[in-house]
C-alpha cells in the first residue's frame, strides 16, 4: 500500500481546541470567603451557622465559576463571564484573569475594558505590563508597547527577555513585532565584545538569553538579526548551546558548510578552557547536525573522539547503521572490535549492542551468541529475543522462530506494547515467506488478545490491501480513524486505497488533504495527493505533486507513480529515466516492477 513511511502507524497528535494554553484557573482560590459570618452564642452543638453573603460578592463568584466552566468547554464566552466578575470584584487577580482570557480569545474590546479595570486596582506590575504590551501591539500603539517592553528588556542580567519574547511571539502582526524587537536592540545598548572582555549590554551575561532572543528574531522572520545574535552568543560565551544554535541557523538557511564549520571551529578552538576537549554535549550536538545533513559516517567519527562509554557506543552504531552502502562497513567493524574488546563483566546493554553490530556485519551466528547473553528481566531482553526470532527465521529455522515468538506472546503478560510487537513480528516473518493468509490469521489472533490495537489493525490493513482484500483493508482503516480521528498515516492509507481501488475518489481526496494538514510536507502524503489527482484525471496537478514528493524522497514507489503519470501524459523518456533511478535504489520493488511491466514491457 502506498504512502506508508513506517510499518506501524504513527499516533496522530490531538488537535482538541483550547482557548488558553498555560492559563492558571485559580481565581477562586484568591477570593476571600464571606466576611459577615456570625456564630450563635449557644452550647447547642448542632446550632446552625448563618452566613449572610454580599450580593456583589455572590455575583462575582457566580461569574468566575461560569467562566471556568466555559474555559473547560473551550468556549470563548468565558471572557465575558470573567469580565463581568472583574467589574464587581475589587480583587486585581480577577481582573488579571479576565484580561488574559480576553486576549487569548482575541476579544480585544473586552480586553481593553478589563485591562483598565486591572490598572485601576493596581495589579501585579510585571503581568500588567506584559498584557498591556500585547494589547498595544495589536492596536498599533508601538510607543506604548515599546515603553513596557523596554522596562522588561532593562531588567538586570536579561531577566525580562522571556516576557518580551512571549509578547512578540504571540503578536498577530509579525512584521510589527519584528520591527519592535529590532527597535529594542537598536543603538549602542549592545556593544560588540572587546577582546578579553564580555560586554553584556541589554541582554545580560547569560548565553541562554541571547539564544532565546535569536530564536525569537528567527520566528519573526528577522533572519539577519537572528544570525547576528547567534554569532554574538558564540563569541561571548562559547557554550555548547550557542554553537548548536548558530549551526542550526546556518543549516536552516541552506548553508551546510557553514553549519559544519561552526562546530569544527568549536572543537579546534584554542578556547578549550570553556568548551573542554571531552565536551560530550558539544560532540553530540555536532553529530546530530552531521546526521541531519546526511553525513552519518562523519557523525560517528565525531562521537568516536574523546571519552567513550555506553552512551557513545550505541550512538555511533546508530549513525553507522543509517549508511545505505558499504562505505560504513570498516567503521562498523572497528566499532565491533572496540566494544567486544572491553573488559568483562559485560553489561546487558553492551551484549545487546554487540548483537546488533554483528547483524550489521552479517555475522548472524555471532549475533545469536551475543543476544543469548542478555539476561531475562533486563530491559534489553525482549528486544534481543525479537532479533533472535528474526535470525532463526532467516537461517531457515522457521519452526524455532515461531515457537520463540509464541513464548514471547505468552510471557509478555500485561505489557501491551511487547505483546503487540510479538504478533507484528510473527506476521511479518510469515509474509516474507509469501504466506500472507497465515499472516492475516496471526493478526486476527493478536486482535483477539488486544482488541482494537491500532498497530495490528494498521498492519492487517496493509497486508489485506496487498492480498486484494480491499473491503477488509478499508474496514480496518476506518476502524483506526474511529479510534484515532487524527491519525494522519491511517487517513493517508485509507485515502490512497479508496482512490486506487474504489470509486470513492472525492472522499479519498478529502482524506489525503486532511492528512497533509496534519503532517505538512510529508512525502508519502504528497505522493498520495498526486496519485489521487491522477485517478481523478488531473494529469498536470498529479505531475506537479509527484515531482515534489519525489524531490523530497526519491524512493522506488514514488518513482513508480511519477513515471506512470509521465508515461500516460506522453513524456515516456523521462518516465523511463525516473524508473531507472528507482530500480537503482531497489531493483525488487514490487510496485515499481509491476508498473514497468504493465506499461513499458
Protein backbone atom coordinates (compact mmCIF):
# COMPACT_ATOMS: atom_id res chain seq x y z
CA UNK A 1 0.00 0.00 0.00
CA UNK A 2 1.23 3.47 -0.88
CA UNK A 3 2.03 6.34 1.43
CA UNK A 4 3.27 4.37 4.41
CA UNK A 5 6.57 5.52 5.85
CA UNK A 6 6.70 3.03 8.70
CA UNK A 7 5.43 -0.49 9.41
CA UNK A 8 3.14 0.67 12.17
CA UNK A 9 1.02 3.77 12.27
CA UNK A 10 2.06 6.98 13.94
CA UNK A 11 -0.33 8.27 16.50
CA UNK A 12 -1.91 11.46 15.22
CA UNK A 13 -1.43 14.42 17.52
CA UNK A 14 -4.58 15.53 19.30
CA UNK A 15 -5.99 18.78 17.95
CA UNK A 16 -8.57 19.35 20.67
CA UNK A 17 -9.16 23.08 20.80
CA UNK A 18 -8.05 25.03 23.86
CA UNK A 19 -8.80 28.66 24.48
CA UNK A 20 -5.91 29.45 26.82
CA UNK A 21 -2.69 27.43 26.83
CA UNK A 22 -0.99 27.82 30.26
CA UNK A 23 -3.55 29.95 32.00
CA UNK A 24 -3.98 29.49 35.74
CA UNK A 25 -7.54 28.80 36.68
CA UNK A 26 -7.15 29.50 40.37
CA UNK A 27 -9.03 32.76 40.58
CA UNK A 28 -11.50 31.36 43.07
CA UNK A 29 -8.68 30.46 45.43
CA UNK A 30 -7.72 34.12 45.70
CA UNK A 31 -11.20 35.30 46.57
CA UNK A 32 -11.78 35.86 50.25
CA UNK A 33 -14.58 33.92 51.86
CA UNK A 34 -17.74 35.53 53.30
CA UNK A 35 -16.82 38.31 55.71
CA UNK A 36 -20.05 38.52 57.69
CA UNK A 37 -20.45 35.10 59.24
CA UNK A 38 -21.89 35.17 62.78
CA UNK A 39 -21.94 32.27 65.16
CA UNK A 40 -24.86 31.95 67.61
CA UNK A 41 -23.77 32.10 71.23
CA UNK A 42 -25.09 28.77 72.32
CA UNK A 43 -23.83 25.49 73.63
CA UNK A 44 -26.05 23.59 71.24
CA UNK A 45 -23.54 21.60 69.04
CA UNK A 46 -25.92 21.38 66.12
CA UNK A 47 -26.78 25.08 66.18
CA UNK A 48 -26.88 26.23 62.58
CA UNK A 49 -24.27 28.73 61.36
CA UNK A 50 -25.95 31.54 59.45
CA UNK A 51 -23.94 33.11 56.60
CA UNK A 52 -25.09 36.39 55.14
CA UNK A 53 -23.41 36.91 51.68
CA UNK A 54 -22.99 40.27 49.97
CA UNK A 55 -24.96 40.26 46.66
CA UNK A 56 -21.99 41.68 44.71
CA UNK A 57 -19.67 39.02 46.05
CA UNK A 58 -22.20 36.33 45.24
CA UNK A 59 -22.47 37.67 41.67
CA UNK A 60 -18.69 37.74 41.30
CA UNK A 61 -18.33 34.12 42.44
CA UNK A 62 -21.07 33.02 40.07
CA UNK A 63 -19.39 34.74 37.12
CA UNK A 64 -15.97 33.27 37.97
CA UNK A 65 -17.47 29.78 38.19
CA UNK A 66 -19.27 30.28 34.88
CA UNK A 67 -16.01 31.50 33.35
CA UNK A 68 -14.08 28.45 34.50
CA UNK A 69 -16.77 26.10 33.23
CA UNK A 70 -16.72 27.87 29.86
CA UNK A 71 -12.93 27.59 29.72
CA UNK A 72 -13.19 23.86 30.30
CA UNK A 73 -15.52 23.69 27.30
CA UNK A 74 -13.12 25.88 25.26
CA UNK A 75 -15.99 28.35 24.95
CA UNK A 76 -14.96 31.97 24.21
CA UNK A 77 -17.90 33.20 26.31
CA UNK A 78 -15.55 32.59 29.26
CA UNK A 79 -14.04 36.01 28.60
CA UNK A 80 -17.38 37.75 29.12
CA UNK A 81 -18.01 35.92 32.39
CA UNK A 82 -14.60 36.88 33.74
CA UNK A 83 -15.07 40.47 32.58
CA UNK A 84 -18.38 40.69 34.43
CA UNK A 85 -16.72 39.22 37.52
CA UNK A 86 -13.92 41.80 37.33
CA UNK A 87 -16.39 44.70 37.27
CA UNK A 88 -17.98 43.69 40.60
CA UNK A 89 -14.81 42.48 42.29
CA UNK A 90 -12.14 44.55 43.97
CA UNK A 91 -9.59 41.78 43.53
CA UNK A 92 -6.96 42.58 40.85
CA UNK A 93 -6.39 38.84 40.31
CA UNK A 94 -9.89 38.53 38.84
CA UNK A 95 -9.24 41.45 36.50
CA UNK A 96 -5.91 39.91 35.51
CA UNK A 97 -7.58 36.61 34.70
CA UNK A 98 -10.27 38.39 32.71
CA UNK A 99 -7.66 40.26 30.66
CA UNK A 100 -5.66 37.13 29.90
CA UNK A 101 -8.73 35.25 28.75
CA UNK A 102 -9.94 38.14 26.60
CA UNK A 103 -6.52 38.47 24.90
CA UNK A 104 -6.19 34.73 24.40
CA UNK A 105 -9.59 34.60 22.71
CA UNK A 106 -8.85 37.72 20.63
CA UNK A 107 -11.74 39.70 22.13
CA UNK A 108 -9.87 42.96 22.00
CA UNK A 109 -12.55 45.45 23.09
CA UNK A 110 -13.26 43.30 26.12
CA UNK A 111 -9.52 43.10 26.82
CA UNK A 112 -9.23 46.90 26.81
CA UNK A 113 -12.05 47.14 29.34
CA UNK A 114 -10.65 44.51 31.70
CA UNK A 115 -7.15 45.99 31.39
CA UNK A 116 -8.46 49.39 32.52
CA UNK A 117 -10.15 47.70 35.46
CA UNK A 118 -6.94 45.83 36.28
CA UNK A 119 -4.91 49.07 36.16
CA UNK A 120 -7.38 50.82 38.46
CA UNK A 121 -6.96 48.05 41.02
CA UNK A 122 -3.15 48.35 40.84
CA UNK A 123 -2.45 44.74 39.96
CA UNK A 124 0.88 42.96 39.63
CA UNK A 125 3.15 45.32 37.68
CA UNK A 126 5.03 42.65 35.75
CA UNK A 127 1.93 40.83 34.49
CA UNK A 128 0.16 44.12 33.85
CA UNK A 129 2.97 45.49 31.69
CA UNK A 130 3.12 42.29 29.64
CA UNK A 131 -0.61 42.27 28.95
CA UNK A 132 -0.61 45.98 28.16
CA UNK A 133 2.22 45.49 25.65
CA UNK A 134 0.33 42.66 23.95
CA UNK A 135 -2.76 44.82 23.59
CA UNK A 136 -0.78 47.87 22.44
CA UNK A 137 0.97 45.84 19.73
CA UNK A 138 -2.40 44.64 18.47
CA UNK A 139 -3.78 48.20 18.47
CA UNK A 140 -0.77 49.55 16.59
CA UNK A 141 0.35 51.68 19.53
CA UNK A 142 4.05 51.00 19.08
CA UNK A 143 5.28 53.63 21.55
CA UNK A 144 3.09 52.29 24.34
CA UNK A 145 4.24 48.75 23.68
CA UNK A 146 7.87 49.90 23.47
CA UNK A 147 7.74 51.59 26.88
CA UNK A 148 6.55 48.44 28.61
CA UNK A 149 8.79 46.07 26.66
CA UNK A 150 11.84 48.24 27.31
CA UNK A 151 11.03 48.03 31.03
CA UNK A 152 11.37 44.24 30.73
CA UNK A 153 14.45 44.45 28.50
CA UNK A 154 16.26 46.59 31.06
CA UNK A 155 15.79 44.13 33.90
CA UNK A 156 19.16 43.09 35.35
CA UNK A 157 21.11 40.41 33.50
CA UNK A 158 18.50 39.89 30.80
CA UNK A 159 15.89 38.53 33.22
CA UNK A 160 12.97 40.22 31.42
CA UNK A 161 13.62 38.96 27.89
CA UNK A 162 11.48 35.87 28.29
CA UNK A 163 8.46 38.15 28.83
CA UNK A 164 9.48 40.25 25.80
CA UNK A 165 9.77 37.13 23.64
CA UNK A 166 6.39 35.86 24.78
CA UNK A 167 4.74 39.14 23.81
CA UNK A 168 6.40 39.35 20.41
CA UNK A 169 5.97 35.67 19.53
CA UNK A 170 2.20 35.82 20.14
CA UNK A 171 1.65 39.04 18.17
CA UNK A 172 -0.69 38.74 15.20
CA UNK A 173 1.25 41.36 13.21
CA UNK A 174 4.59 39.59 12.71
CA UNK A 175 6.27 42.46 10.80
CA UNK A 176 5.33 44.92 13.55
CA UNK A 177 6.63 42.53 16.21
CA UNK A 178 9.89 42.09 14.29
CA UNK A 179 10.30 45.85 13.99
CA UNK A 180 9.69 46.19 17.73
CA UNK A 181 12.40 43.63 18.51
CA UNK A 182 14.92 45.47 16.37
CA UNK A 183 13.91 48.76 17.99
CA UNK A 184 14.64 47.28 21.40
CA UNK A 185 18.03 46.07 20.20
CA UNK A 186 18.90 49.27 18.35
CA UNK A 187 21.57 51.83 19.18
CA UNK A 188 24.59 51.20 21.31
CA UNK A 189 22.88 49.20 24.06
CA UNK A 190 24.57 46.01 22.84
CA UNK A 191 28.15 46.93 22.02
CA UNK A 192 30.47 44.43 20.36
CA UNK A 193 32.53 42.42 22.80
CA UNK A 194 36.09 43.68 23.14
CA UNK A 195 38.99 41.22 23.12
CA UNK A 196 39.35 39.65 26.54
CA UNK A 197 36.04 41.04 27.81
CA UNK A 198 32.38 40.18 27.77
CA UNK A 199 30.27 43.28 27.26
CA UNK A 200 26.83 42.03 28.21
CA UNK A 201 24.77 45.06 27.24
CA UNK A 202 20.99 44.91 27.37
CA UNK A 203 20.75 41.14 27.04
CA UNK A 204 22.94 40.39 30.04
CA UNK A 205 25.62 37.83 30.62
CA UNK A 206 23.80 34.56 30.04
CA UNK A 207 24.10 32.61 26.83
CA UNK A 208 20.55 31.28 27.04
CA UNK A 209 19.11 34.81 26.90
CA UNK A 210 20.98 35.62 23.69
CA UNK A 211 19.84 32.34 22.18
CA UNK A 212 16.24 32.98 23.24
CA UNK A 213 16.20 36.41 21.59
CA UNK A 214 17.87 34.99 18.47
CA UNK A 215 15.17 32.30 18.29
CA UNK A 216 12.51 34.98 18.66
CA UNK A 217 14.09 37.00 15.84
CA UNK A 218 14.10 33.98 13.56
CA UNK A 219 10.45 33.26 14.39
CA UNK A 220 9.66 36.84 13.38
CA UNK A 221 11.49 36.43 10.06
CA UNK A 222 14.35 38.72 11.11
CA UNK A 223 16.99 36.31 9.88
CA UNK A 224 19.90 38.74 9.85
CA UNK A 225 19.22 39.76 13.42
CA UNK A 226 18.85 36.13 14.48
CA UNK A 227 22.17 35.20 12.89
CA UNK A 228 23.94 38.22 14.40
CA UNK A 229 22.67 37.36 17.88
CA UNK A 230 23.70 33.72 17.46
CA UNK A 231 27.16 34.73 16.30
CA UNK A 232 27.50 37.09 19.26
CA UNK A 233 26.42 34.34 21.65
CA UNK A 234 29.20 32.10 20.32
CA UNK A 235 31.80 34.86 20.50
CA UNK A 236 30.83 35.91 24.01
CA UNK A 237 30.08 32.62 25.77
CA UNK A 238 31.48 29.64 23.81
CA UNK A 239 28.77 27.35 25.20
CA UNK A 240 27.59 24.15 23.56
CA UNK A 241 24.08 25.55 23.20
CA UNK A 242 25.35 28.67 21.46
CA UNK A 243 27.39 26.64 18.96
CA UNK A 244 24.43 24.32 18.34
CA UNK A 245 22.04 27.21 17.75
CA UNK A 246 24.45 29.10 15.47
CA UNK A 247 24.90 25.95 13.39
CA UNK A 248 21.16 25.35 13.26
CA UNK A 249 20.57 28.84 11.87
CA UNK A 250 23.09 28.26 9.10
CA UNK A 251 21.57 24.87 8.33
CA UNK A 252 18.08 26.42 8.12
CA UNK A 253 19.49 28.88 5.58
CA UNK A 254 20.86 26.00 3.50
CA UNK A 255 24.47 26.69 4.48
CA UNK A 256 25.64 23.16 5.31
CA UNK A 257 29.30 24.09 5.01
CA UNK A 258 28.88 26.99 7.38
CA UNK A 259 26.97 24.84 9.86
CA UNK A 260 29.76 22.27 9.94
CA UNK A 261 32.37 25.00 10.30
CA UNK A 262 30.70 26.34 13.45
CA UNK A 263 31.24 23.04 15.24
CA UNK A 264 34.60 22.31 13.64
CA UNK A 265 35.87 25.67 14.85
CA UNK A 266 34.49 24.98 18.30
CA UNK A 267 36.28 21.65 18.58
CA UNK A 268 39.55 23.06 17.23
CA UNK A 269 39.33 26.34 19.12
CA UNK A 270 42.11 27.37 21.45
CA UNK A 271 39.41 28.37 23.93
CA UNK A 272 39.01 24.83 25.16
CA UNK A 273 39.12 26.05 28.71
CA UNK A 274 35.48 27.00 28.10
CA UNK A 275 34.47 24.10 25.88
CA UNK A 276 36.69 21.26 27.02
CA UNK A 277 38.40 18.57 24.93
CA UNK A 278 35.94 15.95 26.13
CA UNK A 279 32.79 18.02 25.98
CA UNK A 280 30.33 15.24 25.16
CA UNK A 281 27.41 17.61 24.69
CA UNK A 282 29.26 19.57 22.02
CA UNK A 283 30.20 16.42 20.13
CA UNK A 284 26.70 15.03 20.38
CA UNK A 285 25.26 18.28 19.03
CA UNK A 286 27.77 18.23 16.17
CA UNK A 287 26.98 14.59 15.42
CA UNK A 288 23.25 15.34 15.31
CA UNK A 289 23.87 18.12 12.82
CA UNK A 290 26.03 15.89 10.63
CA UNK A 291 23.36 13.20 10.74
CA UNK A 292 20.71 15.76 9.76
CA UNK A 293 22.65 16.67 6.61
CA UNK A 294 23.26 13.02 5.73
CA UNK A 295 26.88 12.65 6.84
CA UNK A 296 26.30 9.68 9.12
CA UNK A 297 29.88 8.44 8.85
CA UNK A 298 31.13 11.87 9.88
CA UNK A 299 28.70 11.88 12.81
CA UNK A 300 30.01 8.55 14.04
CA UNK A 301 33.59 9.75 13.66
CA UNK A 302 32.90 12.85 15.74
CA UNK A 303 31.44 10.71 18.51
CA UNK A 304 34.44 8.37 18.33
CA UNK A 305 36.65 11.20 19.57
CA UNK A 306 37.02 11.86 23.25
CA UNK A 307 35.89 9.76 26.17
CA UNK A 308 33.82 6.70 25.25
CA UNK A 309 31.11 4.91 27.17
CA UNK A 310 27.82 3.05 26.98
CA UNK A 311 26.15 6.13 25.55
CA UNK A 312 28.59 6.94 22.74
CA UNK A 313 28.94 3.33 21.55
CA UNK A 314 25.26 2.81 20.64
CA UNK A 315 25.03 6.36 19.27
CA UNK A 316 27.94 5.65 16.92
CA UNK A 317 26.32 2.38 15.90
CA UNK A 318 23.00 4.12 15.20
CA UNK A 319 24.63 6.60 12.81
CA UNK A 320 26.64 3.87 11.07
CA UNK A 321 23.51 1.74 10.63
CA UNK A 322 21.93 4.54 8.56
CA UNK A 323 24.60 4.30 5.86
CA UNK A 324 22.96 2.55 2.93
CA UNK A 325 26.05 1.48 1.01
CA UNK A 326 29.15 -0.46 2.09
CA UNK A 327 31.19 2.62 2.98
CA UNK A 328 30.32 2.24 6.64
CA UNK A 329 31.48 -1.38 6.96
CA UNK A 330 35.08 -0.57 8.02
CA UNK A 331 33.81 1.77 10.73
CA UNK A 332 31.24 -0.79 11.92
CA UNK A 333 33.97 -3.47 12.01
CA UNK A 334 36.26 -1.19 14.02
CA UNK A 335 33.46 -0.36 16.47
CA UNK A 336 32.58 -4.05 16.84
CA UNK A 337 36.17 -4.89 17.71
CA UNK A 338 36.42 -1.93 20.08
CA UNK A 339 33.30 -2.82 22.05
CA UNK A 340 33.93 -6.58 22.11
CA UNK A 341 37.43 -5.95 23.49
CA UNK A 342 36.13 -4.06 26.52
CA UNK A 343 36.81 -5.85 29.82
CA UNK A 344 34.18 -8.02 31.45
CA UNK A 345 31.80 -8.18 33.22
CA UNK A 346 29.84 -7.10 30.20
CA UNK A 347 26.59 -5.15 30.85
CA UNK A 348 23.43 -6.48 29.18
CA UNK A 349 23.12 -3.32 27.09
CA UNK A 350 26.59 -3.90 25.69
CA UNK A 351 25.83 -7.52 24.80
CA UNK A 352 22.71 -6.31 23.01
CA UNK A 353 24.73 -3.70 21.12
CA UNK A 354 27.29 -6.31 20.08
CA UNK A 355 24.47 -8.44 18.70
CA UNK A 356 23.24 -5.51 16.63
CA UNK A 357 26.72 -4.76 15.32
CA UNK A 358 27.24 -8.41 14.42
CA UNK A 359 23.97 -8.31 12.47
CA UNK A 360 25.10 -5.20 10.58
CA UNK A 361 28.22 -7.15 9.62
CA UNK A 362 26.05 -10.16 8.65
CA UNK A 363 27.72 -12.32 11.29
CA UNK A 364 24.47 -13.97 12.24
CA UNK A 365 25.89 -16.81 14.34
CA UNK A 366 27.86 -14.35 16.45
CA UNK A 367 24.80 -12.15 16.81
CA UNK A 368 22.80 -15.07 18.22
CA UNK A 369 25.54 -15.70 20.79
CA UNK A 370 25.56 -12.07 21.90
CA UNK A 371 21.77 -11.90 22.16
CA UNK A 372 21.76 -15.06 24.28
CA UNK A 373 23.94 -13.23 26.83
CA UNK A 374 21.22 -10.67 27.57
CA UNK A 375 19.64 -11.98 30.79
CA UNK A 376 15.92 -12.42 31.27
CA UNK A 377 14.47 -9.50 33.19
CA UNK A 378 16.83 -6.94 31.68
CA UNK A 379 15.32 -4.04 29.75
CA UNK A 380 17.06 -5.24 26.56
CA UNK A 381 15.97 -8.86 26.87
CA UNK A 382 12.73 -8.63 24.93
CA UNK A 383 14.35 -6.75 22.02
CA UNK A 384 17.15 -9.34 21.94
CA UNK A 385 14.58 -12.13 21.79
CA UNK A 386 12.79 -10.48 18.86
CA UNK A 387 16.06 -10.19 16.94
CA UNK A 388 16.80 -13.82 17.78
CA UNK A 389 13.48 -14.82 16.24
CA UNK A 390 14.34 -12.91 13.05
CA UNK A 391 17.77 -14.55 12.81
CA UNK A 392 16.32 -18.01 13.35
CA UNK A 393 13.74 -17.43 10.62
CA UNK A 394 16.34 -16.07 8.20
CA UNK A 395 18.55 -19.09 8.78
CA UNK A 396 15.73 -21.49 7.88
CA UNK A 397 14.76 -22.41 11.45
CA UNK A 398 11.21 -21.23 10.91
CA UNK A 399 9.60 -23.55 13.48
CA UNK A 400 12.06 -22.49 16.18
CA UNK A 401 11.40 -18.85 15.38
CA UNK A 402 7.64 -19.34 15.61
CA UNK A 403 7.95 -21.23 18.90
CA UNK A 404 10.03 -18.42 20.39
CA UNK A 405 7.51 -15.79 19.29
CA UNK A 406 4.62 -17.79 20.76
CA UNK A 407 6.54 -17.98 24.04
CA UNK A 408 7.07 -14.22 23.97
CA UNK A 409 3.39 -13.63 23.31
CA UNK A 410 2.54 -15.77 26.32
CA UNK A 411 5.27 -14.33 28.61
CA UNK A 412 4.67 -10.67 27.95
CA UNK A 413 1.72 -10.65 30.31
CA UNK A 414 0.25 -7.21 30.77
CA UNK A 415 2.83 -5.40 28.63
CA UNK A 416 0.58 -4.44 25.73
CA UNK A 417 3.43 -2.94 23.70
CA UNK A 418 5.53 -6.12 23.86
CA UNK A 419 2.59 -8.43 23.17
CA UNK A 420 1.71 -6.41 20.08
CA UNK A 421 5.31 -6.40 18.84
CA UNK A 422 5.50 -10.19 19.10
CA UNK A 423 2.36 -10.62 16.98
CA UNK A 424 3.52 -8.00 14.48
CA UNK A 425 6.86 -9.72 14.00
CA UNK A 426 5.34 -13.19 13.63
CA UNK A 427 3.03 -11.93 10.89
CA UNK A 428 5.80 -10.01 9.16
CA UNK A 429 8.06 -13.07 9.04
CA UNK A 430 5.24 -15.16 7.58
CA UNK A 431 4.57 -12.52 4.96
CA UNK A 432 8.26 -12.53 3.99
CA UNK A 433 7.83 -16.23 3.27
CA UNK A 434 4.90 -15.47 0.94
CA UNK A 435 2.44 -16.88 3.49
CA UNK A 436 0.15 -13.88 3.53
CA UNK A 437 -3.07 -15.62 4.55
CA UNK A 438 -1.31 -17.21 7.54
CA UNK A 439 -0.01 -13.76 8.49
CA UNK A 440 -3.59 -12.44 8.40
CA UNK A 441 -4.54 -15.23 10.80
CA UNK A 442 -1.78 -14.08 13.17
CA UNK A 443 -3.16 -10.53 13.12
CA UNK A 444 -6.62 -11.96 13.80
CA UNK A 445 -5.25 -13.89 16.76
CA UNK A 446 -3.42 -10.84 18.07
CA UNK A 447 -6.54 -8.71 17.85
CA UNK A 448 -8.42 -11.25 19.92
CA UNK A 449 -5.84 -10.70 22.67
CA UNK A 450 -5.54 -6.92 22.07
CA UNK A 451 -8.91 -5.76 20.70
CA UNK A 452 -8.70 -2.56 18.65
CA UNK A 453 -4.90 -2.39 18.85
CA UNK A 454 -4.22 0.18 16.13
CA UNK A 455 -0.78 -1.24 15.29
CA UNK A 456 -2.28 -4.62 14.48
CA UNK A 457 -5.24 -3.09 12.67
CA UNK A 458 -2.93 -0.96 10.53
CA UNK A 459 -0.59 -3.82 9.67
CA UNK A 460 -3.52 -6.09 8.83
CA UNK A 461 -4.99 -3.39 6.60
CA UNK A 462 -1.75 -3.03 4.65
CA UNK A 463 -1.45 -6.75 4.13
CA UNK A 464 -5.12 -7.14 3.19
CA UNK A 465 -4.60 -4.44 0.58
CA UNK A 466 -1.59 -6.33 -0.82
CA UNK A 467 -3.70 -9.50 -0.93
CA UNK A 468 -6.50 -7.66 -2.76
CA UNK A 469 -8.86 -7.91 0.21
CA UNK A 470 -9.85 -4.31 -0.35
CA UNK A 471 -13.05 -4.30 1.72
CA UNK A 472 -11.21 -5.76 4.73
CA UNK A 473 -8.41 -3.19 4.38
CA UNK A 474 -10.86 -0.31 4.20
CA UNK A 475 -12.77 -1.66 7.20
CA UNK A 476 -9.64 -1.77 9.36
CA UNK A 477 -8.50 1.69 8.32
CA UNK A 478 -11.93 3.16 9.06
CA UNK A 479 -11.83 1.48 12.47
CA UNK A 480 -8.48 3.12 13.24
CA UNK A 481 -9.93 6.51 12.38
CA UNK A 482 -12.89 5.79 14.64
CA UNK A 483 -10.41 5.19 17.45
CA UNK A 484 -7.97 7.95 16.48
CA UNK A 485 -9.64 10.52 14.24
CA UNK A 486 -6.41 12.45 13.69
CA UNK A 487 -4.17 9.53 12.72
CA UNK A 488 -2.63 11.04 9.59
CA UNK A 489 -0.99 7.80 8.45
CA UNK A 490 -4.24 5.82 8.58
CA UNK A 491 -6.04 8.72 6.93
CA UNK A 492 -3.49 8.78 4.12
CA UNK A 493 -3.57 5.00 3.68
CA UNK A 494 -7.37 4.98 3.54
CA UNK A 495 -7.40 7.87 1.06
CA UNK A 496 -4.89 6.14 -1.20
CA UNK A 497 -6.77 2.83 -1.07
CA UNK A 498 -10.08 4.50 -1.88
CA UNK A 499 -8.50 6.41 -4.76
CA UNK A 500 -6.65 3.43 -6.18
CA UNK A 501 -9.09 0.61 -5.60
CA UNK A 502 -12.61 2.07 -5.36
CA UNK A 503 -14.89 4.67 -6.92
CA UNK A 504 -14.77 6.88 -3.78
CA UNK A 505 -12.39 9.42 -5.31
CA UNK A 506 -13.92 12.51 -3.69
CA UNK A 507 -13.66 11.05 -0.20
CA UNK A 508 -10.12 9.92 -0.99
CA UNK A 509 -9.08 13.46 -1.93
CA UNK A 510 -10.64 14.92 1.22
CA UNK A 511 -8.88 12.38 3.44
CA UNK A 512 -5.48 12.94 1.86
CA UNK A 513 -5.80 16.72 2.02
CA UNK A 514 -6.67 16.50 5.71
CA UNK A 515 -3.73 14.16 6.33
CA UNK A 516 -1.42 16.68 4.67
CA UNK A 517 -2.69 19.40 7.02
CA UNK A 518 -1.82 17.17 9.96
CA UNK A 519 1.62 16.28 8.55
CA UNK A 520 2.60 19.08 6.18
CA UNK A 521 5.45 18.32 3.83
CA UNK A 522 5.27 14.55 4.35
CA UNK A 523 6.48 12.99 1.07
CA UNK A 524 4.26 9.90 1.32
CA UNK A 525 1.14 12.04 1.69
CA UNK A 526 2.17 14.39 -1.11
CA UNK A 527 2.65 11.29 -3.26
CA UNK A 528 -0.88 10.16 -2.36
CA UNK A 529 -2.20 13.59 -3.30
CA UNK A 530 -0.53 13.31 -6.69
CA UNK A 531 -1.89 9.82 -7.15
CA UNK A 532 -5.47 10.76 -6.35
CA UNK A 533 -5.21 13.67 -8.80
CA UNK A 534 -4.06 11.15 -11.40
CA UNK A 535 -7.03 8.92 -10.63
CA UNK A 536 -9.29 11.95 -10.99
CA UNK A 537 -7.78 12.64 -14.43
CA UNK A 538 -5.91 15.81 -13.44
CA UNK A 539 -2.56 14.94 -15.05
CA UNK A 540 -0.85 18.32 -14.67
CA UNK A 541 -1.76 18.58 -10.98
CA UNK A 542 -0.69 14.98 -10.47
CA UNK A 543 2.73 15.52 -12.04
CA UNK A 544 3.29 18.68 -10.00
CA UNK A 545 2.59 16.93 -6.69
CA UNK A 546 4.51 13.78 -7.59
CA UNK A 547 7.57 15.82 -8.59
CA UNK A 548 7.53 17.48 -5.16
CA UNK A 549 7.20 14.12 -3.43
CA UNK A 550 9.99 12.58 -5.49
CA UNK A 551 12.30 15.51 -4.83
CA UNK A 552 11.72 15.15 -1.10
CA UNK A 553 12.02 11.37 -1.07
CA UNK A 554 13.21 9.67 -4.28
CA UNK A 555 12.14 6.17 -3.33
CA UNK A 556 11.10 3.44 -5.81
CA UNK A 557 7.36 3.60 -5.13
CA UNK A 558 7.15 7.34 -5.71
CA UNK A 559 9.30 6.76 -8.81
CA UNK A 560 6.74 4.22 -9.99
CA UNK A 561 3.87 6.68 -9.58
CA UNK A 562 5.65 9.68 -11.12
CA UNK A 563 6.86 7.53 -14.00
CA UNK A 564 3.37 6.21 -14.69
CA UNK A 565 1.80 9.67 -14.85
CA UNK A 566 4.63 10.94 -17.06
CA UNK A 567 4.18 7.91 -19.35
CA UNK A 568 0.44 8.41 -19.65
CA UNK A 569 0.94 12.11 -20.37
CA UNK A 570 3.31 11.27 -23.24
CA UNK A 571 6.63 12.03 -21.51
CA UNK A 572 7.93 8.50 -21.94
CA UNK A 573 11.67 9.23 -22.00
CA UNK A 574 11.51 11.00 -18.65
CA UNK A 575 9.32 8.22 -17.28
CA UNK A 576 11.98 5.63 -18.19
CA UNK A 577 14.68 7.78 -16.58
CA UNK A 578 12.70 8.05 -13.33
CA UNK A 579 12.03 4.31 -13.32
CA UNK A 580 15.73 3.58 -13.89
CA UNK A 581 16.59 5.73 -10.90
CA UNK A 582 14.07 3.82 -8.80
CA UNK A 583 15.47 0.45 -9.89
CA UNK A 584 18.96 1.52 -8.88
CA UNK A 585 17.67 2.03 -5.35
CA UNK A 586 15.62 -1.18 -5.21
CA UNK A 587 15.52 -3.50 -8.19
CA UNK A 588 12.98 -5.74 -6.44
CA UNK A 589 10.35 -3.18 -5.50
CA UNK A 590 7.03 -4.81 -6.30
CA UNK A 591 5.12 -1.63 -7.15
CA UNK A 592 7.87 -0.34 -9.43
CA UNK A 593 8.36 -3.64 -11.29
CA UNK A 594 4.62 -4.12 -11.78
CA UNK A 595 4.27 -0.58 -13.16
CA UNK A 596 7.09 -1.06 -15.67
CA UNK A 597 5.76 -4.47 -16.72
CA UNK A 598 2.24 -3.11 -17.20
CA UNK A 599 3.20 -0.02 -19.18
CA UNK A 600 6.58 -0.43 -20.83
CA UNK A 601 7.18 -4.12 -21.43
